[in-house]
C-alpha cells in the first residue's frame, strides 16, 4: 500500500523538490504552503507522515504541532527547517519523530521519512 506524505513548507521550490523525490520513492504526496492550509488538509485526510517547516505563515509549524497535540493526533512528523538548532529543538511533542536542518542530506531525509512511516 502506497504511503502518503504531506509536505508543508512556504517555499514552493522545496515543496516541488520533496514531492518529486518522494514520488520517485513510491510515496503519494500532497502539499501545503502554510500551517493553516496544512491543518485543513490534515483534518480532511489521513497522512502516514508530515514533513513540516517551522517558520512560515499564516500558521507556523509550531502551530501545527500544537494543533496535533490538541487533537491527540498520532501522525508522525519530520521537522525540516532552516531555523537555528535551538529553535529546531523547541519543536517537540509526541508527533515529532525527527528534526533535520536545511540544507538537508537527501538520503538522511528519506531514511527518516521511511522510518517515520513504519512507526
PDB file of N, CA and C in Angstrom:
ATOM      1  N   UNK A   1       0.836  -1.182   0.000  1.00  0.00           N
ATOM      2  CA  UNK A   1       0.000   0.000   0.000  1.00  0.00           C
ATOM      3  C   UNK A   1       0.884   1.251   0.000  1.00  0.00           C
ATOM      4  N   UNK A   2       0.577   2.190  -0.857  1.00  0.00           N
ATOM      5  CA  UNK A   2       1.371   3.405  -1.004  1.00  0.00           C
ATOM      6  C   UNK A   2       1.184   4.317   0.205  1.00  0.00           C
ATOM      7  N   UNK A   3       2.286   4.790   0.772  1.00  0.00           N
ATOM      8  CA  UNK A   3       2.258   5.692   1.916  1.00  0.00           C
ATOM      9  C   UNK A   3       2.071   7.124   1.436  1.00  0.00           C
ATOM     10  N   UNK A   4       1.361   7.924   2.219  1.00  0.00           N
ATOM     11  CA  UNK A   4       1.089   9.312   1.838  1.00  0.00           C
ATOM     12  C   UNK A   4       1.822  10.275   2.769  1.00  0.00           C
ATOM     13  N   UNK A   5       2.381  11.314   2.166  1.00  0.00           N
ATOM     14  CA  UNK A   5       3.167  12.304   2.889  1.00  0.00           C
ATOM     15  C   UNK A   5       2.603  13.690   2.590  1.00  0.00           C
ATOM     16  N   UNK A   6       2.395  14.488   3.637  1.00  0.00           N
ATOM     17  CA  UNK A   6       2.038  15.890   3.472  1.00  0.00           C
ATOM     18  C   UNK A   6       3.305  16.716   3.634  1.00  0.00           C
ATOM     19  N   UNK A   7       3.619  17.509   2.623  1.00  0.00           N
ATOM     20  CA  UNK A   7       4.796  18.381   2.647  1.00  0.00           C
ATOM     21  C   UNK A   7       4.313  19.793   2.945  1.00  0.00           C
ATOM     22  N   UNK A   8       4.778  20.361   4.064  1.00  0.00           N
ATOM     23  CA  UNK A   8       4.338  21.689   4.490  1.00  0.00           C
ATOM     24  C   UNK A   8       5.552  22.605   4.532  1.00  0.00           C
ATOM     25  N   UNK A   9       5.600  23.540   3.590  1.00  0.00           N
ATOM     26  CA  UNK A   9       6.720  24.477   3.512  1.00  0.00           C
ATOM     27  C   UNK A   9       6.248  25.687   2.720  1.00  0.00           C
ATOM     28  N   UNK A  10       6.671  26.878   3.125  1.00  0.00           N
ATOM     29  CA  UNK A  10       6.275  28.080   2.398  1.00  0.00           C
ATOM     30  C   UNK A  10       7.095  28.294   1.132  1.00  0.00           C
ATOM     31  N   UNK A  11       8.129  27.527   0.940  1.00  0.00           N
ATOM     32  CA  UNK A  11       8.974  27.614  -0.251  1.00  0.00           C
ATOM     33  C   UNK A  11       8.483  26.610  -1.294  1.00  0.00           C
ATOM     34  N   UNK A  12       7.912  27.137  -2.382  1.00  0.00           N
ATOM     35  CA  UNK A  12       7.353  26.273  -3.437  1.00  0.00           C
ATOM     36  C   UNK A  12       8.425  25.373  -4.044  1.00  0.00           C
ATOM     37  N   UNK A  13       9.642  25.853  -4.159  1.00  0.00           N
ATOM     38  CA  UNK A  13      10.728  25.048  -4.719  1.00  0.00           C
ATOM     39  C   UNK A  13      11.042  23.839  -3.850  1.00  0.00           C
ATOM     40  N   UNK A  14      11.050  24.041  -2.555  1.00  0.00           N
ATOM     41  CA  UNK A  14      11.284  22.920  -1.625  1.00  0.00           C
ATOM     42  C   UNK A  14      10.137  21.914  -1.731  1.00  0.00           C
ATOM     43  N   UNK A  15       8.897  22.418  -1.776  1.00  0.00           N
ATOM     44  CA  UNK A  15       7.747  21.505  -1.894  1.00  0.00           C
ATOM     45  C   UNK A  15       7.844  20.671  -3.167  1.00  0.00           C
ATOM     46  N   UNK A  16       8.186  21.311  -4.277  1.00  0.00           N
ATOM     47  CA  UNK A  16       8.309  20.584  -5.552  1.00  0.00           C
ATOM     48  C   UNK A  16       9.433  19.562  -5.500  1.00  0.00           C
ATOM     49  N   UNK A  17      10.587  19.966  -4.996  1.00  0.00           N
ATOM     50  CA  UNK A  17      11.741  19.075  -4.888  1.00  0.00           C
ATOM     51  C   UNK A  17      11.400  17.853  -4.039  1.00  0.00           C
ATOM     52  N   UNK A  18      10.836  18.087  -2.855  1.00  0.00           N
ATOM     53  CA  UNK A  18      10.474  16.975  -1.981  1.00  0.00           C
ATOM     54  C   UNK A  18       9.396  16.106  -2.610  1.00  0.00           C
ATOM     55  N   UNK A  19       8.438  16.737  -3.288  1.00  0.00           N
ATOM     56  CA  UNK A  19       7.382  15.970  -3.946  1.00  0.00           C
ATOM     57  C   UNK A  19       7.931  15.014  -4.988  1.00  0.00           C
ATOM     58  N   UNK A  20       8.799  15.506  -5.845  1.00  0.00           N
ATOM     59  CA  UNK A  20       9.405  14.662  -6.883  1.00  0.00           C
ATOM     60  C   UNK A  20      10.249  13.565  -6.253  1.00  0.00           C
ATOM     61  N   UNK A  21      11.058  13.952  -5.285  1.00  0.00           N
ATOM     62  CA  UNK A  21      11.943  12.998  -4.618  1.00  0.00           C
ATOM     63  C   UNK A  21      11.134  11.875  -3.949  1.00  0.00           C
ATOM     64  N   UNK A  22      10.074  12.221  -3.259  1.00  0.00           N
ATOM     65  CA  UNK A  22       9.263  11.226  -2.561  1.00  0.00           C
ATOM     66  C   UNK A  22       8.431  10.386  -3.526  1.00  0.00           C
ATOM     67  N   UNK A  23       7.933  10.994  -4.578  1.00  0.00           N
ATOM     68  CA  UNK A  23       7.176  10.229  -5.577  1.00  0.00           C
ATOM     69  C   UNK A  23       8.065   9.198  -6.252  1.00  0.00           C
ATOM     70  N   UNK A  24       9.325   9.533  -6.465  1.00  0.00           N
ATOM     71  CA  UNK A  24      10.271   8.561  -7.045  1.00  0.00           C
ATOM     72  C   UNK A  24      10.517   7.387  -6.107  1.00  0.00           C
ATOM     73  N   UNK A  25      10.246   7.591  -4.827  1.00  0.00           N
ATOM     74  CA  UNK A  25      10.392   6.526  -3.835  1.00  0.00           C
ATOM     75  C   UNK A  25       9.043   5.842  -3.568  1.00  0.00           C
ATOM     76  N   UNK A  26       8.085   6.071  -4.449  1.00  0.00           N
ATOM     77  CA  UNK A  26       6.749   5.455  -4.399  1.00  0.00           C
ATOM     78  C   UNK A  26       5.846   5.985  -3.292  1.00  0.00           C
ATOM     79  N   UNK A  27       6.097   7.198  -2.819  1.00  0.00           N
ATOM     80  CA  UNK A  27       5.182   7.832  -1.879  1.00  0.00           C
ATOM     81  C   UNK A  27       4.159   8.648  -2.655  1.00  0.00           C
ATOM     82  N   UNK A  28       2.985   8.754  -2.109  1.00  0.00           N
ATOM     83  CA  UNK A  28       1.980   9.679  -2.614  1.00  0.00           C
ATOM     84  C   UNK A  28       2.178  10.970  -1.834  1.00  0.00           C
ATOM     85  N   UNK A  29       2.159  12.114  -2.501  1.00  0.00           N
ATOM     86  CA  UNK A  29       2.425  13.372  -1.801  1.00  0.00           C
ATOM     87  C   UNK A  29       1.292  14.367  -1.973  1.00  0.00           C
ATOM     88  N   UNK A  30       1.192  15.246  -1.007  1.00  0.00           N
ATOM     89  CA  UNK A  30       0.277  16.376  -1.030  1.00  0.00           C
ATOM     90  C   UNK A  30       1.061  17.546  -0.459  1.00  0.00           C
ATOM     91  N   UNK A  31       0.625  18.766  -0.730  1.00  0.00           N
ATOM     92  CA  UNK A  31       1.382  19.936  -0.304  1.00  0.00           C
ATOM     93  C   UNK A  31       0.497  20.963   0.387  1.00  0.00           C
ATOM     94  N   UNK A  32       1.130  21.714   1.281  1.00  0.00           N
ATOM     95  CA  UNK A  32       0.511  22.878   1.913  1.00  0.00           C
ATOM     96  C   UNK A  32       1.587  23.945   2.054  1.00  0.00           C
ATOM     97  N   UNK A  33       1.211  25.197   1.835  1.00  0.00           N
ATOM     98  CA  UNK A  33       2.202  26.274   1.849  1.00  0.00           C
ATOM     99  C   UNK A  33       2.296  27.003   3.187  1.00  0.00           C
ATOM    100  N   UNK A  34       1.422  26.650   4.135  1.00  0.00           N
ATOM    101  CA  UNK A  34       1.478  27.271   5.461  1.00  0.00           C
ATOM    102  C   UNK A  34       0.741  26.388   6.459  1.00  0.00           C
ATOM    103  N   UNK A  35       0.801  26.768   7.713  1.00  0.00           N
ATOM    104  CA  UNK A  35       0.198  25.966   8.762  1.00  0.00           C
ATOM    105  C   UNK A  35      -1.315  25.872   8.688  1.00  0.00           C
ATOM    106  N   UNK A  36      -1.971  26.964   8.297  1.00  0.00           N
ATOM    107  CA  UNK A  36      -3.433  26.929   8.195  1.00  0.00           C
ATOM    108  C   UNK A  36      -3.884  25.962   7.110  1.00  0.00           C
ATOM    109  N   UNK A  37      -3.238  26.038   5.967  1.00  0.00           N
ATOM    110  CA  UNK A  37      -3.555  25.125   4.868  1.00  0.00           C
ATOM    111  C   UNK A  37      -3.241  23.675   5.276  1.00  0.00           C
ATOM    112  N   UNK A  38      -2.160  23.491   6.005  1.00  0.00           N
ATOM    113  CA  UNK A  38      -1.790  22.149   6.464  1.00  0.00           C
ATOM    114  C   UNK A  38      -2.875  21.564   7.356  1.00  0.00           C
ATOM    115  N   UNK A  39      -3.386  22.361   8.294  1.00  0.00           N
ATOM    116  CA  UNK A  39      -4.412  21.851   9.202  1.00  0.00           C
ATOM    117  C   UNK A  39      -5.702  21.518   8.458  1.00  0.00           C
ATOM    118  N   UNK A  40      -6.033  22.288   7.429  1.00  0.00           N
ATOM    119  CA  UNK A  40      -7.205  21.951   6.608  1.00  0.00           C
ATOM    120  C   UNK A  40      -7.024  20.575   5.979  1.00  0.00           C
ATOM    121  N   UNK A  41      -5.856  20.343   5.422  1.00  0.00           N
ATOM    122  CA  UNK A  41      -5.573  19.060   4.772  1.00  0.00           C
ATOM    123  C   UNK A  41      -5.536  17.913   5.795  1.00  0.00           C
ATOM    124  N   UNK A  42      -4.949  18.172   6.955  1.00  0.00           N
ATOM    125  CA  UNK A  42      -4.835  17.150   7.990  1.00  0.00           C
ATOM    126  C   UNK A  42      -6.216  16.745   8.503  1.00  0.00           C
ATOM    127  N   UNK A  43      -7.096  17.709   8.641  1.00  0.00           N
ATOM    128  CA  UNK A  43      -8.457  17.395   9.103  1.00  0.00           C
ATOM    129  C   UNK A  43      -9.249  16.623   8.050  1.00  0.00           C
ATOM    130  N   UNK A  44      -8.890  16.818   6.780  1.00  0.00           N
ATOM    131  CA  UNK A  44      -9.644  16.196   5.688  1.00  0.00           C
ATOM    132  C   UNK A  44      -9.127  14.818   5.287  1.00  0.00           C
ATOM    133  N   UNK A  45      -7.878  14.516   5.631  1.00  0.00           N
ATOM    134  CA  UNK A  45      -7.275  13.288   5.115  1.00  0.00           C
ATOM    135  C   UNK A  45      -6.262  12.718   6.091  1.00  0.00           C
ATOM    136  N   UNK A  46      -6.105  11.434   6.038  1.00  0.00           N
ATOM    137  CA  UNK A  46      -5.108  10.748   6.872  1.00  0.00           C
ATOM    138  C   UNK A  46      -3.802  10.616   6.089  1.00  0.00           C
ATOM    139  N   UNK A  47      -2.713  11.151   6.623  1.00  0.00           N
ATOM    140  CA  UNK A  47      -1.385  11.018   6.032  1.00  0.00           C
ATOM    141  C   UNK A  47      -0.560  10.083   6.907  1.00  0.00           C
ATOM    142  N   UNK A  48       0.359   9.370   6.291  1.00  0.00           N
ATOM    143  CA  UNK A  48       1.244   8.500   7.054  1.00  0.00           C
ATOM    144  C   UNK A  48       2.334   9.299   7.754  1.00  0.00           C
ATOM    145  N   UNK A  49       2.722  10.436   7.158  1.00  0.00           N
ATOM    146  CA  UNK A  49       3.747  11.293   7.753  1.00  0.00           C
ATOM    147  C   UNK A  49       3.587  12.710   7.230  1.00  0.00           C
ATOM    148  N   UNK A  50       4.163  13.640   7.986  1.00  0.00           N
ATOM    149  CA  UNK A  50       4.148  15.051   7.612  1.00  0.00           C
ATOM    150  C   UNK A  50       5.577  15.561   7.666  1.00  0.00           C
ATOM    151  N   UNK A  51       6.027  16.200   6.587  1.00  0.00           N
ATOM    152  CA  UNK A  51       7.311  16.896   6.574  1.00  0.00           C
ATOM    153  C   UNK A  51       6.965  18.359   6.796  1.00  0.00           C
ATOM    154  N   UNK A  52       7.463  18.939   7.890  1.00  0.00           N
ATOM    155  CA  UNK A  52       6.964  20.222   8.368  1.00  0.00           C
ATOM    156  C   UNK A  52       8.061  21.253   8.577  1.00  0.00           C
ATOM    157  N   UNK A  53       7.947  22.375   7.851  1.00  0.00           N
ATOM    158  CA  UNK A  53       8.796  23.535   8.090  1.00  0.00           C
ATOM    159  C   UNK A  53       8.261  24.242   9.339  1.00  0.00           C
ATOM    160  N   UNK A  54       9.099  24.991  10.018  1.00  0.00           N
ATOM    161  CA  UNK A  54       8.663  25.664  11.239  1.00  0.00           C
ATOM    162  C   UNK A  54       8.251  27.111  11.012  1.00  0.00           C
ATOM    163  N   UNK A  55       9.077  27.852  10.268  1.00  0.00           N
ATOM    164  CA  UNK A  55       8.865  29.287  10.137  1.00  0.00           C
ATOM    165  C   UNK A  55       8.146  29.617   8.835  1.00  0.00           C
ATOM    166  N   UNK A  56       6.849  29.810   8.939  1.00  0.00           N
ATOM    167  CA  UNK A  56       6.019  30.178   7.805  1.00  0.00           C
ATOM    168  C   UNK A  56       4.749  30.790   8.367  1.00  0.00           C
ATOM    169  N   UNK A  57       3.975  31.386   7.521  1.00  0.00           N
ATOM    170  CA  UNK A  57       2.734  31.977   7.989  1.00  0.00           C
ATOM    171  C   UNK A  57       1.759  32.122   6.856  1.00  0.00           C
ATOM    172  N   UNK A  58       0.523  32.252   7.116  1.00  0.00           N
ATOM    173  CA  UNK A  58      -0.083  32.187   8.447  1.00  0.00           C
ATOM    174  C   UNK A  58      -0.107  30.755   8.975  1.00  0.00           C
ATOM    175  N   UNK A  59       0.131  30.654  10.238  1.00  0.00           N
ATOM    176  CA  UNK A  59       0.177  29.348  10.877  1.00  0.00           C
ATOM    177  C   UNK A  59       1.559  28.739  10.739  1.00  0.00           C
ATOM    178  N   UNK A  60       2.338  28.766  11.803  1.00  0.00           N
ATOM    179  CA  UNK A  60       3.694  28.224  11.758  1.00  0.00           C
ATOM    180  C   UNK A  60       3.672  26.713  11.963  1.00  0.00           C
ATOM    181  N   UNK A  61       4.824  26.101  11.804  1.00  0.00           N
ATOM    182  CA  UNK A  61       4.953  24.683  12.107  1.00  0.00           C
ATOM    183  C   UNK A  61       4.700  24.404  13.577  1.00  0.00           C
ATOM    184  N   UNK A  62       5.071  25.353  14.437  1.00  0.00           N
ATOM    185  CA  UNK A  62       4.786  25.208  15.866  1.00  0.00           C
ATOM    186  C   UNK A  62       3.277  25.167  16.107  1.00  0.00           C
ATOM    187  N   UNK A  63       2.533  25.990  15.364  1.00  0.00           N
ATOM    188  CA  UNK A  63       1.072  25.986  15.478  1.00  0.00           C
ATOM    189  C   UNK A  63       0.498  24.632  15.059  1.00  0.00           C
ATOM    190  N   UNK A  64       1.038  24.075  13.993  1.00  0.00           N
ATOM    191  CA  UNK A  64       0.576  22.757  13.527  1.00  0.00           C
ATOM    192  C   UNK A  64       0.840  21.705  14.606  1.00  0.00           C
ATOM    193  N   UNK A  65       2.032  21.718  15.191  1.00  0.00           N
ATOM    194  CA  UNK A  65       2.350  20.757  16.248  1.00  0.00           C
ATOM    195  C   UNK A  65       1.415  20.915  17.447  1.00  0.00           C
ATOM    196  N   UNK A  66       1.107  22.160  17.814  1.00  0.00           N
ATOM    197  CA  UNK A  66       0.174  22.407  18.919  1.00  0.00           C
ATOM    198  C   UNK A  66      -1.216  21.856  18.598  1.00  0.00           C
ATOM    199  N   UNK A  67      -1.673  22.068  17.371  1.00  0.00           N
ATOM    200  CA  UNK A  67      -2.992  21.563  16.969  1.00  0.00           C
ATOM    201  C   UNK A  67      -3.029  20.039  16.981  1.00  0.00           C
ATOM    202  N   UNK A  68      -1.961  19.413  16.515  1.00  0.00           N
ATOM    203  CA  UNK A  68      -1.906  17.945  16.536  1.00  0.00           C
ATOM    204  C   UNK A  68      -1.992  17.424  17.970  1.00  0.00           C
ATOM    205  N   UNK A  69      -1.319  18.114  18.905  1.00  0.00           N
ATOM    206  CA  UNK A  69      -1.395  17.725  20.320  1.00  0.00           C
ATOM    207  C   UNK A  69      -2.830  17.832  20.828  1.00  0.00           C
ATOM    208  N   UNK A  70      -3.478  18.959  20.524  1.00  0.00           N
ATOM    209  CA  UNK A  70      -4.847  19.182  20.982  1.00  0.00           C
ATOM    210  C   UNK A  70      -5.807  18.145  20.415  1.00  0.00           C
ATOM    211  N   UNK A  71      -5.573  17.757  19.175  1.00  0.00           N
ATOM    212  CA  UNK A  71      -6.434  16.760  18.531  1.00  0.00           C
ATOM    213  C   UNK A  71      -6.082  15.337  18.956  1.00  0.00           C
ATOM    214  N   UNK A  72      -4.993  15.210  19.719  1.00  0.00           N
ATOM    215  CA  UNK A  72      -4.460  13.885  20.092  1.00  0.00           C
ATOM    216  C   UNK A  72      -4.232  13.036  18.847  1.00  0.00           C
ATOM    217  N   UNK A  73      -3.708  13.707  17.852  1.00  0.00           N
ATOM    218  CA  UNK A  73      -3.432  13.082  16.564  1.00  0.00           C
ATOM    219  C   UNK A  73      -2.058  12.437  16.619  1.00  0.00           C
ATOM    220  N   UNK A  74      -1.933  11.230  16.113  1.00  0.00           N
ATOM    221  CA  UNK A  74      -0.665  10.500  16.213  1.00  0.00           C
ATOM    222  C   UNK A  74       0.154  10.503  14.928  1.00  0.00           C
ATOM    223  N   UNK A  75      -0.164  11.393  14.018  1.00  0.00           N
ATOM    224  CA  UNK A  75       0.600  11.431  12.772  1.00  0.00           C
ATOM    225  C   UNK A  75       2.061  11.755  13.056  1.00  0.00           C
ATOM    226  N   UNK A  76       2.925  11.060  12.363  1.00  0.00           N
ATOM    227  CA  UNK A  76       4.359  11.180  12.530  1.00  0.00           C
ATOM    228  C   UNK A  76       4.866  12.414  11.767  1.00  0.00           C
ATOM    229  N   UNK A  77       5.697  13.224  12.428  1.00  0.00           N
ATOM    230  CA  UNK A  77       6.187  14.474  11.833  1.00  0.00           C
ATOM    231  C   UNK A  77       7.707  14.461  11.761  1.00  0.00           C
ATOM    232  N   UNK A  78       8.218  14.825  10.583  1.00  0.00           N
ATOM    233  CA  UNK A  78       9.636  15.087  10.401  1.00  0.00           C
ATOM    234  C   UNK A  78       9.768  16.596  10.208  1.00  0.00           C
ATOM    235  N   UNK A  79      10.401  17.261  11.169  1.00  0.00           N
ATOM    236  CA  UNK A  79      10.603  18.700  11.086  1.00  0.00           C
ATOM    237  C   UNK A  79      11.802  18.947  10.175  1.00  0.00           C
ATOM    238  N   UNK A  80      11.616  19.813   9.191  1.00  0.00           N
ATOM    239  CA  UNK A  80      12.661  20.166   8.233  1.00  0.00           C
ATOM    240  C   UNK A  80      12.709  21.682   8.175  1.00  0.00           C
ATOM    241  N   UNK A  81      13.749  22.285   8.741  1.00  0.00           N
ATOM    242  CA  UNK A  81      13.743  23.732   8.891  1.00  0.00           C
ATOM    243  C   UNK A  81      15.139  24.339   8.755  1.00  0.00           C
ATOM    244  N   UNK A  82      15.173  25.579   8.298  1.00  0.00           N
ATOM    245  CA  UNK A  82      16.420  26.335   8.217  1.00  0.00           C
ATOM    246  C   UNK A  82      16.650  27.137   9.494  1.00  0.00           C
ATOM    247  N   UNK A  83      15.784  26.983  10.472  1.00  0.00           N
ATOM    248  CA  UNK A  83      15.911  27.695  11.744  1.00  0.00           C
ATOM    249  C   UNK A  83      17.173  27.255  12.478  1.00  0.00           C
ATOM    250  N   UNK A  84      17.496  27.982  13.522  1.00  0.00           N
ATOM    251  CA  UNK A  84      18.672  27.637  14.325  1.00  0.00           C
ATOM    252  C   UNK A  84      18.453  26.292  15.019  1.00  0.00           C
ATOM    253  N   UNK A  85      19.546  25.667  15.411  1.00  0.00           N
ATOM    254  CA  UNK A  85      19.464  24.395  16.138  1.00  0.00           C
ATOM    255  C   UNK A  85      18.594  24.549  17.384  1.00  0.00           C
ATOM    256  N   UNK A  86      18.753  25.669  18.062  1.00  0.00           N
ATOM    257  CA  UNK A  86      17.973  25.915  19.279  1.00  0.00           C
ATOM    258  C   UNK A  86      16.480  25.950  18.974  1.00  0.00           C
ATOM    259  N   UNK A  87      16.102  26.641  17.921  1.00  0.00           N
ATOM    260  CA  UNK A  87      14.692  26.733  17.538  1.00  0.00           C
ATOM    261  C   UNK A  87      14.156  25.372  17.125  1.00  0.00           C
ATOM    262  N   UNK A  88      14.940  24.635  16.376  1.00  0.00           N
ATOM    263  CA  UNK A  88      14.505  23.306  15.933  1.00  0.00           C
ATOM    264  C   UNK A  88      14.296  22.385  17.131  1.00  0.00           C
ATOM    265  N   UNK A  89      15.152  22.483  18.134  1.00  0.00           N
ATOM    266  CA  UNK A  89      14.991  21.655  19.344  1.00  0.00           C
ATOM    267  C   UNK A  89      13.698  21.986  20.083  1.00  0.00           C
ATOM    268  N   UNK A  90      13.208  23.226  19.923  1.00  0.00           N
ATOM    269  CA  UNK A  90      11.960  23.631  20.573  1.00  0.00           C
ATOM    270  C   UNK A  90      10.737  22.967  19.931  1.00  0.00           C
ATOM    271  N   UNK A  91      10.912  22.436  18.744  1.00  0.00           N
ATOM    272  CA  UNK A  91       9.823  21.716  18.066  1.00  0.00           C
ATOM    273  C   UNK A  91       9.765  20.317  18.666  1.00  0.00           C
ATOM    274  N   UNK A  92       8.898  20.169  19.661  1.00  0.00           N
ATOM    275  CA  UNK A  92       8.821  18.883  20.327  1.00  0.00           C
ATOM    276  C   UNK A  92       7.370  18.448  20.467  1.00  0.00           C
ATOM    277  N   UNK A  93       7.218  17.309  21.022  1.00  0.00           N
ATOM    278  CA  UNK A  93       5.885  16.775  21.225  1.00  0.00           C
ATOM    279  C   UNK A  93       5.828  15.336  20.775  1.00  0.00           C
ATOM    280  N   UNK A  94       4.725  14.696  21.061  1.00  0.00           N
ATOM    281  CA  UNK A  94       4.602  13.267  20.756  1.00  0.00           C
ATOM    282  C   UNK A  94       4.635  12.946  19.265  1.00  0.00           C
ATOM    283  N   UNK A  95       4.364  13.920  18.422  1.00  0.00           N
ATOM    284  CA  UNK A  95       4.332  13.678  16.985  1.00  0.00           C
ATOM    285  C   UNK A  95       5.695  13.801  16.319  1.00  0.00           C
ATOM    286  N   UNK A  96       6.630  14.492  16.954  1.00  0.00           N
ATOM    287  CA  UNK A  96       7.918  14.771  16.320  1.00  0.00           C
ATOM    288  C   UNK A  96       8.787  13.515  16.356  1.00  0.00           C
ATOM    289  N   UNK A  97       9.050  12.997  15.180  1.00  0.00           N
ATOM    290  CA  UNK A  97       9.878  11.803  15.031  1.00  0.00           C
ATOM    291  C   UNK A  97      11.343  12.175  14.817  1.00  0.00           C
ATOM    292  N   UNK A  98      11.575  13.226  14.021  1.00  0.00           N
ATOM    293  CA  UNK A  98      12.945  13.630  13.700  1.00  0.00           C
ATOM    294  C   UNK A  98      12.980  15.125  13.414  1.00  0.00           C
ATOM    295  N   UNK A  99      14.166  15.697  13.583  1.00  0.00           N
ATOM    296  CA  UNK A  99      14.404  17.108  13.268  1.00  0.00           C
ATOM    297  C   UNK A  99      15.608  17.164  12.344  1.00  0.00           C
ATOM    298  N   UNK A 100      15.430  17.795  11.189  1.00  0.00           N
ATOM    299  CA  UNK A 100      16.513  17.897  10.212  1.00  0.00           C
ATOM    300  C   UNK A 100      16.650  19.363   9.810  1.00  0.00           C
ATOM    301  N   UNK A 101      17.877  19.814   9.773  1.00  0.00           N
ATOM    302  CA  UNK A 101      18.146  21.217   9.442  1.00  0.00           C
ATOM    303  C   UNK A 101      18.449  21.359   7.950  1.00  0.00           C
ATOM    304  N   UNK A 102      17.882  22.404   7.344  1.00  0.00           N
ATOM    305  CA  UNK A 102      18.191  22.747   5.954  1.00  0.00           C
ATOM    306  C   UNK A 102      19.527  23.481   5.935  1.00  0.00           C
ATOM    307  N   UNK A 103      20.346  23.325   4.924  1.00  0.00           N
ATOM    308  CA  UNK A 103      20.197  22.386   3.813  1.00  0.00           C
ATOM    309  C   UNK A 103      20.316  20.954   4.328  1.00  0.00           C
ATOM    310  N   UNK A 104      19.587  20.058   3.709  1.00  0.00           N
ATOM    311  CA  UNK A 104      19.483  18.695   4.215  1.00  0.00           C
ATOM    312  C   UNK A 104      20.138  17.693   3.291  1.00  0.00           C
ATOM    313  N   UNK A 105      20.508  16.571   3.882  1.00  0.00           N
ATOM    314  CA  UNK A 105      21.038  15.439   3.136  1.00  0.00           C
ATOM    315  C   UNK A 105      19.837  14.601   2.690  1.00  0.00           C
ATOM    316  N   UNK A 106      19.690  14.414   1.392  1.00  0.00           N
ATOM    317  CA  UNK A 106      18.524  13.725   0.829  1.00  0.00           C
ATOM    318  C   UNK A 106      18.382  12.316   1.389  1.00  0.00           C
ATOM    319  N   UNK A 107      19.468  11.574   1.465  1.00  0.00           N
ATOM    320  CA  UNK A 107      19.376  10.194   1.950  1.00  0.00           C
ATOM    321  C   UNK A 107      18.970  10.155   3.424  1.00  0.00           C
ATOM    322  N   UNK A 108      19.454  11.095   4.227  1.00  0.00           N
ATOM    323  CA  UNK A 108      19.063  11.161   5.632  1.00  0.00           C
ATOM    324  C   UNK A 108      17.566  11.453   5.748  1.00  0.00           C
ATOM    325  N   UNK A 109      17.085  12.398   4.960  1.00  0.00           N
ATOM    326  CA  UNK A 109      15.668  12.743   4.999  1.00  0.00           C
ATOM    327  C   UNK A 109      14.812  11.552   4.586  1.00  0.00           C
ATOM    328  N   UNK A 110      15.189  10.883   3.509  1.00  0.00           N
ATOM    329  CA  UNK A 110      14.435   9.704   3.066  1.00  0.00           C
ATOM    330  C   UNK A 110      14.438   8.603   4.120  1.00  0.00           C
ATOM    331  N   UNK A 111      15.585   8.374   4.761  1.00  0.00           N
ATOM    332  CA  UNK A 111      15.665   7.381   5.824  1.00  0.00           C
ATOM    333  C   UNK A 111      14.704   7.721   6.953  1.00  0.00           C
ATOM    334  N   UNK A 112      14.693   8.972   7.363  1.00  0.00           N
ATOM    335  CA  UNK A 112      13.819   9.411   8.460  1.00  0.00           C
ATOM    336  C   UNK A 112      12.341   9.275   8.092  1.00  0.00           C
ATOM    337  N   UNK A 113      11.992   9.633   6.861  1.00  0.00           N
ATOM    338  CA  UNK A 113      10.602   9.509   6.426  1.00  0.00           C
ATOM    339  C   UNK A 113      10.191   8.049   6.365  1.00  0.00           C
ATOM    340  N   UNK A 114      11.052   7.213   5.827  1.00  0.00           N
ATOM    341  CA  UNK A 114      10.740   5.778   5.775  1.00  0.00           C
ATOM    342  C   UNK A 114      10.547   5.204   7.178  1.00  0.00           C
ATOM    343  N   UNK A 115      11.423   5.557   8.111  1.00  0.00           N
ATOM    344  CA  UNK A 115      11.283   5.077   9.485  1.00  0.00           C
ATOM    345  C   UNK A 115      10.007   5.612  10.126  1.00  0.00           C
ATOM    346  N   UNK A 116       9.737   6.879   9.876  1.00  0.00           N
ATOM    347  CA  UNK A 116       8.543   7.529  10.423  1.00  0.00           C
ATOM    348  C   UNK A 116       7.279   6.793   9.952  1.00  0.00           C
ATOM    349  N   UNK A 117       7.249   6.400   8.719  1.00  0.00           N
ATOM    350  CA  UNK A 117       6.080   5.724   8.157  1.00  0.00           C
ATOM    351  C   UNK A 117       5.889   4.315   8.701  1.00  0.00           C
ATOM    352  N   UNK A 118       6.929   3.751   9.275  1.00  0.00           N
ATOM    353  CA  UNK A 118       6.845   2.396   9.816  1.00  0.00           C
ATOM    354  C   UNK A 118       6.465   2.366  11.284  1.00  0.00           C
ATOM    355  N   UNK A 119       6.483   3.530  11.934  1.00  0.00           N
ATOM    356  CA  UNK A 119       6.156   3.607  13.364  1.00  0.00           C
ATOM    357  C   UNK A 119       4.682   3.375  13.566  1.00  0.00           C
TER     358      UNK A 119
END
